[in-house]
N, C-alpha and C. Protein backbone atom coordinates (compact mmCIF):
# COMPACT_ATOMS: atom_id res chain seq x y z
N MET A 1 0.85 -1.17 0.00
CA MET A 1 0.00 0.00 0.00
C MET A 1 0.89 1.22 0.00
N SER A 2 0.54 2.13 -0.83
CA SER A 2 1.21 3.41 -0.81
C SER A 2 0.40 4.33 0.10
N VAL A 3 0.99 4.70 1.22
CA VAL A 3 0.34 5.61 2.15
C VAL A 3 1.12 6.92 2.13
N ASP A 4 0.44 7.98 1.76
CA ASP A 4 1.05 9.30 1.72
C ASP A 4 0.59 10.04 2.96
N CYS A 5 1.50 10.29 3.90
CA CYS A 5 1.16 10.97 5.14
C CYS A 5 1.65 12.41 5.11
N VAL A 6 0.72 13.31 5.39
CA VAL A 6 1.06 14.71 5.59
C VAL A 6 0.88 14.96 7.08
N VAL A 7 1.98 15.30 7.75
CA VAL A 7 1.95 15.51 9.19
C VAL A 7 1.97 17.01 9.47
N GLU A 8 0.81 17.53 9.88
CA GLU A 8 0.71 18.95 10.23
C GLU A 8 0.97 19.19 11.71
N ASP A 9 0.83 18.16 12.52
CA ASP A 9 1.04 18.27 13.97
C ASP A 9 2.15 17.31 14.36
N ALA A 10 3.29 17.86 14.73
CA ALA A 10 4.48 17.06 15.03
C ALA A 10 4.29 16.09 16.19
N ARG A 11 3.27 16.31 17.03
CA ARG A 11 3.03 15.39 18.15
C ARG A 11 2.70 13.99 17.67
N TRP A 12 2.30 13.85 16.40
CA TRP A 12 2.00 12.52 15.86
C TRP A 12 3.24 11.65 15.72
N GLY A 13 4.42 12.24 15.67
CA GLY A 13 5.64 11.44 15.53
C GLY A 13 5.62 10.64 14.24
N ASP A 14 5.97 9.36 14.33
CA ASP A 14 6.04 8.50 13.15
C ASP A 14 4.71 7.81 12.88
N ILE A 15 3.69 8.59 12.59
CA ILE A 15 2.38 8.02 12.31
C ILE A 15 2.38 7.24 10.99
N ALA A 16 3.33 7.53 10.12
CA ALA A 16 3.38 6.84 8.83
C ALA A 16 3.51 5.33 9.02
N ALA A 17 4.30 4.89 9.98
CA ALA A 17 4.46 3.46 10.22
C ALA A 17 3.16 2.84 10.73
N LEU A 18 2.47 3.55 11.64
CA LEU A 18 1.18 3.06 12.13
C LEU A 18 0.16 3.02 11.00
N ALA A 19 0.18 4.04 10.16
CA ALA A 19 -0.76 4.09 9.04
C ALA A 19 -0.53 2.92 8.08
N GLN A 20 0.71 2.62 7.82
CA GLN A 20 1.03 1.49 6.92
C GLN A 20 0.51 0.18 7.52
N THR A 21 0.76 -0.01 8.80
CA THR A 21 0.31 -1.22 9.49
C THR A 21 -1.21 -1.35 9.43
N ALA A 22 -1.91 -0.28 9.76
CA ALA A 22 -3.38 -0.31 9.83
C ALA A 22 -4.01 -0.51 8.46
N THR A 23 -3.56 0.24 7.48
CA THR A 23 -4.17 0.16 6.15
C THR A 23 -3.88 -1.18 5.49
N ASP A 24 -2.65 -1.65 5.63
CA ASP A 24 -2.31 -2.96 5.05
C ASP A 24 -3.15 -4.07 5.68
N ALA A 25 -3.32 -4.01 7.00
CA ALA A 25 -4.08 -5.05 7.70
C ALA A 25 -5.54 -5.05 7.24
N ALA A 26 -6.13 -3.87 7.08
CA ALA A 26 -7.52 -3.79 6.64
C ALA A 26 -7.68 -4.35 5.22
N LEU A 27 -6.82 -3.95 4.32
CA LEU A 27 -6.92 -4.43 2.94
C LEU A 27 -6.66 -5.92 2.85
N ASP A 28 -5.64 -6.37 3.57
CA ASP A 28 -5.31 -7.80 3.55
C ASP A 28 -6.49 -8.64 4.03
N ARG A 29 -7.17 -8.20 5.10
CA ARG A 29 -8.32 -8.95 5.63
C ARG A 29 -9.42 -9.09 4.60
N LEU A 30 -9.56 -8.10 3.73
CA LEU A 30 -10.61 -8.11 2.71
C LEU A 30 -10.15 -8.74 1.40
N GLY A 31 -8.96 -9.33 1.42
CA GLY A 31 -8.47 -10.02 0.23
C GLY A 31 -8.00 -9.09 -0.87
N LEU A 32 -7.64 -7.87 -0.50
CA LEU A 32 -7.15 -6.89 -1.47
C LEU A 32 -5.64 -6.76 -1.33
N GLU A 33 -4.95 -6.71 -2.43
CA GLU A 33 -3.50 -6.59 -2.42
C GLU A 33 -3.11 -5.16 -2.03
N PRO A 34 -2.55 -4.97 -0.84
CA PRO A 34 -2.24 -3.62 -0.38
C PRO A 34 -1.32 -2.83 -1.31
N SER A 35 -0.37 -3.49 -1.97
CA SER A 35 0.59 -2.76 -2.79
C SER A 35 -0.03 -2.09 -4.01
N VAL A 36 -1.26 -2.45 -4.32
CA VAL A 36 -1.93 -1.92 -5.52
C VAL A 36 -2.61 -0.57 -5.24
N PHE A 37 -2.96 -0.29 -3.99
CA PHE A 37 -3.81 0.85 -3.68
C PHE A 37 -3.06 1.97 -2.96
N GLU A 38 -3.68 3.16 -2.98
CA GLU A 38 -3.09 4.34 -2.36
C GLU A 38 -4.10 5.00 -1.42
N ILE A 39 -3.60 5.51 -0.29
CA ILE A 39 -4.40 6.27 0.66
C ILE A 39 -3.57 7.46 1.11
N SER A 40 -4.23 8.61 1.22
CA SER A 40 -3.58 9.81 1.75
C SER A 40 -4.10 10.05 3.16
N ILE A 41 -3.17 10.38 4.07
CA ILE A 41 -3.54 10.62 5.47
C ILE A 41 -3.02 11.97 5.90
N LEU A 42 -3.90 12.74 6.53
CA LEU A 42 -3.54 14.02 7.12
C LEU A 42 -3.54 13.85 8.63
N ALA A 43 -2.38 13.97 9.24
CA ALA A 43 -2.24 13.88 10.70
C ALA A 43 -2.22 15.31 11.23
N CYS A 44 -3.34 15.73 11.81
CA CYS A 44 -3.51 17.13 12.15
C CYS A 44 -3.92 17.30 13.62
N ASP A 45 -4.36 18.51 13.94
CA ASP A 45 -4.83 18.80 15.30
C ASP A 45 -6.34 19.03 15.28
N ASP A 46 -6.90 19.28 16.45
CA ASP A 46 -8.35 19.46 16.58
C ASP A 46 -8.86 20.68 15.82
N THR A 47 -8.08 21.75 15.79
CA THR A 47 -8.52 22.96 15.08
C THR A 47 -8.71 22.66 13.59
N ARG A 48 -7.76 21.98 13.01
CA ARG A 48 -7.83 21.65 11.57
C ARG A 48 -8.97 20.70 11.28
N ILE A 49 -9.13 19.66 12.10
CA ILE A 49 -10.19 18.69 11.80
C ILE A 49 -11.57 19.30 12.05
N ALA A 50 -11.67 20.23 13.00
CA ALA A 50 -12.96 20.91 13.23
C ALA A 50 -13.34 21.72 11.99
N ALA A 51 -12.37 22.37 11.37
CA ALA A 51 -12.65 23.14 10.14
C ALA A 51 -13.06 22.20 9.01
N LEU A 52 -12.39 21.06 8.89
CA LEU A 52 -12.77 20.07 7.87
C LEU A 52 -14.16 19.50 8.15
N ASN A 53 -14.43 19.20 9.41
CA ASN A 53 -15.72 18.64 9.80
C ASN A 53 -16.85 19.63 9.49
N GLU A 54 -16.60 20.90 9.75
CA GLU A 54 -17.63 21.90 9.44
C GLU A 54 -17.80 22.06 7.93
N GLY A 55 -16.69 22.11 7.22
CA GLY A 55 -16.75 22.31 5.78
C GLY A 55 -17.40 21.17 5.02
N PHE A 56 -17.15 19.95 5.45
CA PHE A 56 -17.65 18.79 4.71
C PHE A 56 -18.92 18.18 5.31
N ARG A 57 -19.12 18.33 6.62
CA ARG A 57 -20.26 17.68 7.25
C ARG A 57 -21.20 18.65 7.95
N GLY A 58 -20.83 19.95 7.95
CA GLY A 58 -21.67 20.94 8.61
C GLY A 58 -21.66 20.83 10.12
N LYS A 59 -20.64 20.19 10.68
CA LYS A 59 -20.52 20.00 12.14
C LYS A 59 -19.28 20.76 12.62
N PRO A 60 -19.47 21.93 13.25
CA PRO A 60 -18.34 22.77 13.62
C PRO A 60 -17.64 22.35 14.92
N GLN A 61 -17.26 21.08 15.01
CA GLN A 61 -16.52 20.62 16.18
C GLN A 61 -15.49 19.59 15.73
N SER A 62 -14.54 19.37 16.63
CA SER A 62 -13.52 18.38 16.31
C SER A 62 -14.11 16.98 16.40
N THR A 63 -13.42 16.07 15.77
CA THR A 63 -13.77 14.66 15.80
C THR A 63 -12.47 13.88 15.72
N ASN A 64 -12.52 12.58 15.90
CA ASN A 64 -11.28 11.81 15.91
C ASN A 64 -10.74 11.56 14.50
N VAL A 65 -11.61 11.12 13.60
CA VAL A 65 -11.15 10.76 12.26
C VAL A 65 -12.25 11.08 11.24
N LEU A 66 -11.83 11.52 10.08
CA LEU A 66 -12.73 11.75 8.95
C LEU A 66 -12.18 11.00 7.75
N SER A 67 -13.07 10.61 6.85
CA SER A 67 -12.60 9.93 5.64
C SER A 67 -13.40 10.40 4.44
N TRP A 68 -12.73 10.41 3.30
CA TRP A 68 -13.33 10.81 2.03
C TRP A 68 -12.99 9.74 1.00
N PRO A 69 -13.90 8.80 0.76
CA PRO A 69 -13.64 7.75 -0.24
C PRO A 69 -13.57 8.34 -1.65
N SER A 70 -12.73 7.74 -2.47
CA SER A 70 -12.61 8.20 -3.85
C SER A 70 -13.81 7.80 -4.70
N ASP A 71 -14.50 6.74 -4.30
CA ASP A 71 -15.68 6.26 -5.01
C ASP A 71 -16.73 5.80 -4.00
N GLU A 72 -17.98 5.80 -4.43
CA GLU A 72 -19.06 5.27 -3.60
C GLU A 72 -19.06 3.75 -3.72
N ARG A 73 -18.86 3.07 -2.61
CA ARG A 73 -18.79 1.61 -2.63
C ARG A 73 -19.79 0.96 -1.68
N ALA A 74 -20.57 1.76 -0.97
CA ALA A 74 -21.45 1.24 0.07
C ALA A 74 -22.43 0.21 -0.49
N ALA A 75 -22.75 -0.76 0.34
CA ALA A 75 -23.75 -1.77 -0.03
C ALA A 75 -25.14 -1.16 -0.01
N ALA A 76 -25.96 -1.57 -0.95
CA ALA A 76 -27.34 -1.06 -1.01
C ALA A 76 -28.19 -1.63 0.12
N ILE A 77 -27.88 -2.85 0.54
CA ILE A 77 -28.67 -3.53 1.57
C ILE A 77 -27.89 -3.56 2.88
N ASP A 78 -28.55 -3.16 3.95
CA ASP A 78 -27.96 -3.11 5.29
C ASP A 78 -27.33 -4.45 5.66
N GLY A 79 -26.04 -4.43 5.97
CA GLY A 79 -25.34 -5.62 6.42
C GLY A 79 -24.63 -6.39 5.34
N GLU A 80 -24.78 -6.00 4.08
CA GLU A 80 -24.06 -6.68 2.99
C GLU A 80 -22.69 -6.05 2.79
N MET A 81 -21.80 -6.80 2.15
CA MET A 81 -20.46 -6.31 1.87
C MET A 81 -20.52 -5.22 0.80
N PRO A 82 -19.73 -4.16 0.98
CA PRO A 82 -19.63 -3.13 -0.05
C PRO A 82 -18.96 -3.67 -1.30
N LEU A 83 -19.03 -2.90 -2.37
CA LEU A 83 -18.35 -3.25 -3.60
C LEU A 83 -16.85 -3.11 -3.40
N ALA A 84 -16.10 -4.12 -3.78
CA ALA A 84 -14.65 -4.08 -3.63
C ALA A 84 -14.05 -3.18 -4.72
N PRO A 85 -13.04 -2.40 -4.36
CA PRO A 85 -12.38 -1.59 -5.39
C PRO A 85 -11.64 -2.48 -6.37
N GLN A 86 -11.59 -2.03 -7.60
CA GLN A 86 -10.89 -2.78 -8.64
C GLN A 86 -9.61 -2.03 -9.02
N PRO A 87 -8.50 -2.73 -9.12
CA PRO A 87 -7.27 -2.06 -9.55
C PRO A 87 -7.47 -1.47 -10.95
N GLY A 88 -6.90 -0.30 -11.14
CA GLY A 88 -7.03 0.37 -12.42
C GLY A 88 -6.03 1.49 -12.52
N PRO A 89 -6.24 2.40 -13.46
CA PRO A 89 -5.27 3.49 -13.64
C PRO A 89 -5.16 4.41 -12.43
N ASP A 90 -6.27 4.61 -11.71
CA ASP A 90 -6.24 5.42 -10.50
C ASP A 90 -6.60 4.52 -9.33
N ASN A 91 -5.60 4.16 -8.55
CA ASN A 91 -5.81 3.23 -7.44
C ASN A 91 -5.94 3.92 -6.10
N ALA A 92 -6.28 5.22 -6.11
CA ALA A 92 -6.45 5.96 -4.87
C ALA A 92 -7.79 5.58 -4.24
N LEU A 93 -7.74 5.13 -2.99
CA LEU A 93 -8.96 4.77 -2.27
C LEU A 93 -9.60 5.98 -1.61
N GLY A 94 -8.81 7.02 -1.33
CA GLY A 94 -9.35 8.22 -0.72
C GLY A 94 -8.42 8.79 0.32
N ASP A 95 -8.99 9.67 1.14
CA ASP A 95 -8.22 10.43 2.12
C ASP A 95 -8.79 10.23 3.52
N ILE A 96 -7.90 10.27 4.50
CA ILE A 96 -8.26 10.18 5.91
C ILE A 96 -7.58 11.33 6.64
N ALA A 97 -8.32 11.97 7.55
CA ALA A 97 -7.73 12.97 8.45
C ALA A 97 -7.93 12.47 9.87
N ILE A 98 -6.92 12.65 10.71
CA ILE A 98 -6.97 12.19 12.10
C ILE A 98 -6.43 13.29 13.00
N ALA A 99 -7.14 13.56 14.11
CA ALA A 99 -6.83 14.69 14.99
C ALA A 99 -6.15 14.24 16.27
N PHE A 100 -5.04 14.87 16.59
CA PHE A 100 -4.23 14.45 17.72
C PHE A 100 -4.94 14.59 19.07
N GLU A 101 -5.43 15.79 19.39
CA GLU A 101 -5.98 16.00 20.74
C GLU A 101 -7.16 15.08 21.02
N THR A 102 -8.08 14.97 20.07
CA THR A 102 -9.25 14.12 20.29
C THR A 102 -8.83 12.67 20.46
N CYS A 103 -7.91 12.21 19.64
CA CYS A 103 -7.45 10.81 19.76
C CYS A 103 -6.75 10.57 21.09
N ALA A 104 -5.93 11.52 21.51
CA ALA A 104 -5.23 11.37 22.78
C ALA A 104 -6.21 11.36 23.96
N LYS A 105 -7.22 12.24 23.93
CA LYS A 105 -8.23 12.27 25.00
C LYS A 105 -9.02 10.97 25.04
N GLU A 106 -9.42 10.48 23.87
CA GLU A 106 -10.18 9.22 23.82
C GLU A 106 -9.36 8.05 24.33
N ALA A 107 -8.11 7.99 23.92
CA ALA A 107 -7.24 6.90 24.37
C ALA A 107 -7.08 6.94 25.89
N ASP A 108 -6.84 8.12 26.43
CA ASP A 108 -6.68 8.27 27.87
C ASP A 108 -7.95 7.87 28.61
N ALA A 109 -9.10 8.33 28.12
CA ALA A 109 -10.38 8.02 28.76
C ALA A 109 -10.68 6.53 28.75
N ALA A 110 -10.23 5.84 27.70
CA ALA A 110 -10.48 4.40 27.57
C ALA A 110 -9.38 3.55 28.19
N GLY A 111 -8.33 4.20 28.71
CA GLY A 111 -7.22 3.45 29.29
C GLY A 111 -6.40 2.69 28.26
N LYS A 112 -6.33 3.25 27.04
CA LYS A 112 -5.58 2.62 25.96
C LYS A 112 -4.36 3.47 25.61
N SER A 113 -3.41 2.85 24.97
CA SER A 113 -2.28 3.64 24.49
C SER A 113 -2.72 4.43 23.26
N LEU A 114 -2.07 5.57 23.06
CA LEU A 114 -2.36 6.37 21.87
C LEU A 114 -2.05 5.57 20.62
N ARG A 115 -1.00 4.78 20.65
CA ARG A 115 -0.62 3.94 19.51
C ARG A 115 -1.77 3.00 19.12
N ASP A 116 -2.29 2.26 20.09
CA ASP A 116 -3.35 1.29 19.81
C ASP A 116 -4.62 1.98 19.32
N HIS A 117 -4.97 3.10 19.93
CA HIS A 117 -6.18 3.81 19.53
C HIS A 117 -6.02 4.38 18.11
N THR A 118 -4.82 4.88 17.82
CA THR A 118 -4.56 5.42 16.48
C THR A 118 -4.67 4.33 15.43
N ILE A 119 -4.11 3.17 15.69
CA ILE A 119 -4.24 2.05 14.74
C ILE A 119 -5.72 1.73 14.54
N HIS A 120 -6.49 1.66 15.62
CA HIS A 120 -7.92 1.38 15.50
C HIS A 120 -8.60 2.41 14.60
N LEU A 121 -8.35 3.68 14.85
CA LEU A 121 -9.02 4.73 14.06
C LEU A 121 -8.58 4.72 12.60
N LEU A 122 -7.34 4.35 12.34
CA LEU A 122 -6.88 4.26 10.95
C LEU A 122 -7.48 3.04 10.25
N VAL A 123 -7.65 1.94 10.96
CA VAL A 123 -8.38 0.79 10.40
C VAL A 123 -9.82 1.21 10.11
N HIS A 124 -10.44 1.89 11.06
CA HIS A 124 -11.82 2.38 10.92
C HIS A 124 -11.94 3.28 9.68
N GLY A 125 -11.04 4.24 9.56
CA GLY A 125 -11.07 5.14 8.42
C GLY A 125 -10.85 4.43 7.10
N THR A 126 -9.96 3.45 7.09
CA THR A 126 -9.71 2.67 5.87
C THR A 126 -10.96 1.89 5.47
N LEU A 127 -11.64 1.30 6.44
CA LEU A 127 -12.88 0.59 6.13
C LEU A 127 -13.93 1.55 5.55
N HIS A 128 -13.98 2.77 6.04
CA HIS A 128 -14.88 3.76 5.45
C HIS A 128 -14.52 3.99 3.98
N LEU A 129 -13.23 4.09 3.68
CA LEU A 129 -12.81 4.29 2.29
C LEU A 129 -13.23 3.11 1.40
N LEU A 130 -13.38 1.95 2.02
CA LEU A 130 -13.76 0.74 1.28
C LEU A 130 -15.28 0.52 1.24
N GLY A 131 -16.04 1.50 1.72
CA GLY A 131 -17.50 1.43 1.62
C GLY A 131 -18.23 0.96 2.86
N PHE A 132 -17.51 0.67 3.93
CA PHE A 132 -18.15 0.24 5.17
C PHE A 132 -18.63 1.47 5.93
N ASP A 133 -19.71 1.29 6.68
CA ASP A 133 -20.27 2.39 7.44
C ASP A 133 -20.95 1.85 8.69
N HIS A 134 -21.40 2.75 9.56
CA HIS A 134 -22.04 2.33 10.80
C HIS A 134 -23.32 3.11 11.04
N GLU A 135 -23.93 3.59 9.97
CA GLU A 135 -25.19 4.34 10.10
C GLU A 135 -26.38 3.40 10.30
N ARG A 136 -26.38 2.27 9.62
CA ARG A 136 -27.47 1.30 9.76
C ARG A 136 -26.99 0.17 10.67
N ASP A 137 -27.91 -0.46 11.38
CA ASP A 137 -27.55 -1.44 12.41
C ASP A 137 -26.68 -2.59 11.91
N ARG A 138 -27.10 -3.25 10.85
CA ARG A 138 -26.33 -4.41 10.37
C ARG A 138 -25.01 -4.00 9.73
N ASP A 139 -25.01 -2.80 9.11
CA ASP A 139 -23.74 -2.28 8.60
C ASP A 139 -22.76 -2.05 9.74
N ALA A 140 -23.26 -1.48 10.84
CA ALA A 140 -22.42 -1.23 12.01
C ALA A 140 -21.88 -2.53 12.59
N THR A 141 -22.74 -3.54 12.67
CA THR A 141 -22.31 -4.84 13.19
C THR A 141 -21.21 -5.43 12.31
N LEU A 142 -21.39 -5.35 11.00
CA LEU A 142 -20.39 -5.85 10.06
C LEU A 142 -19.07 -5.11 10.21
N MET A 143 -19.15 -3.79 10.24
CA MET A 143 -17.93 -2.97 10.31
C MET A 143 -17.20 -3.19 11.64
N GLU A 144 -17.94 -3.19 12.74
CA GLU A 144 -17.31 -3.40 14.04
C GLU A 144 -16.69 -4.79 14.15
N GLY A 145 -17.35 -5.78 13.58
CA GLY A 145 -16.79 -7.13 13.58
C GLY A 145 -15.48 -7.20 12.82
N LEU A 146 -15.43 -6.54 11.67
CA LEU A 146 -14.19 -6.51 10.89
C LEU A 146 -13.09 -5.77 11.64
N GLU A 147 -13.43 -4.65 12.24
CA GLU A 147 -12.43 -3.90 13.01
C GLU A 147 -11.85 -4.78 14.12
N THR A 148 -12.73 -5.45 14.85
CA THR A 148 -12.30 -6.31 15.94
C THR A 148 -11.38 -7.42 15.44
N GLU A 149 -11.74 -8.03 14.32
CA GLU A 149 -10.94 -9.11 13.74
C GLU A 149 -9.57 -8.60 13.28
N ILE A 150 -9.56 -7.48 12.57
CA ILE A 150 -8.31 -6.91 12.07
C ILE A 150 -7.40 -6.53 13.23
N LEU A 151 -7.96 -5.86 14.22
CA LEU A 151 -7.15 -5.46 15.37
C LEU A 151 -6.64 -6.68 16.13
N GLY A 152 -7.47 -7.71 16.24
CA GLY A 152 -7.04 -8.94 16.90
C GLY A 152 -5.83 -9.56 16.22
N LYS A 153 -5.81 -9.54 14.90
CA LYS A 153 -4.67 -10.08 14.16
C LYS A 153 -3.41 -9.24 14.38
N LEU A 154 -3.61 -7.99 14.76
CA LEU A 154 -2.48 -7.11 15.07
C LEU A 154 -2.12 -7.16 16.55
N GLY A 155 -2.79 -8.04 17.31
CA GLY A 155 -2.51 -8.20 18.73
C GLY A 155 -3.16 -7.15 19.61
N LEU A 156 -4.19 -6.47 19.09
CA LEU A 156 -4.88 -5.43 19.87
C LEU A 156 -6.24 -5.95 20.32
N PRO A 157 -6.70 -5.47 21.49
CA PRO A 157 -7.97 -5.95 22.03
C PRO A 157 -9.18 -5.39 21.26
N ASP A 158 -10.32 -6.00 21.48
CA ASP A 158 -11.59 -5.58 20.89
C ASP A 158 -11.92 -4.17 21.41
N PRO A 159 -11.99 -3.18 20.53
CA PRO A 159 -12.26 -1.81 20.98
C PRO A 159 -13.71 -1.59 21.40
N TYR A 160 -14.59 -2.53 21.13
CA TYR A 160 -16.01 -2.36 21.44
C TYR A 160 -16.43 -3.13 22.68
N ARG A 161 -15.48 -3.81 23.31
CA ARG A 161 -15.79 -4.55 24.53
C ARG A 161 -15.39 -3.71 25.73
N ASP A 162 -16.24 -3.63 26.70
CA ASP A 162 -15.94 -2.83 27.91
C ASP A 162 -14.91 -3.53 28.76
């Protein structure tokens, strides 16, 4: 997988390595060859992601992660698998933005390391780029199950279990 990381907030450190791990794991789980696809990641702060959230979603507050898929891949029926991307001349899956302060606060509140929480959110964002969502009940169950499985293969605990 080609992951292009733009780091606007130096507190992220070497997020590129975490991004590579997370995105490769998500694609591999879905039977997609990671080396064929591209994802762009913006590692920013809460101020930047709040502006993006307001501009794209009309919500003027920070959030942990945002994603912009390059194509619409969502399943028409709740709980079904989205359409898989096909390799072609443009193999960009889309863009992900992740905010430092919100991620750090969430990790602390959940008693998790920032590293583990960041990997989870990058897996989550990658699944969004692949057409997965959590707006409908069965879609949410499918997406959360995949996240749990992918993170488990990376040695991380189920993020949805208390």
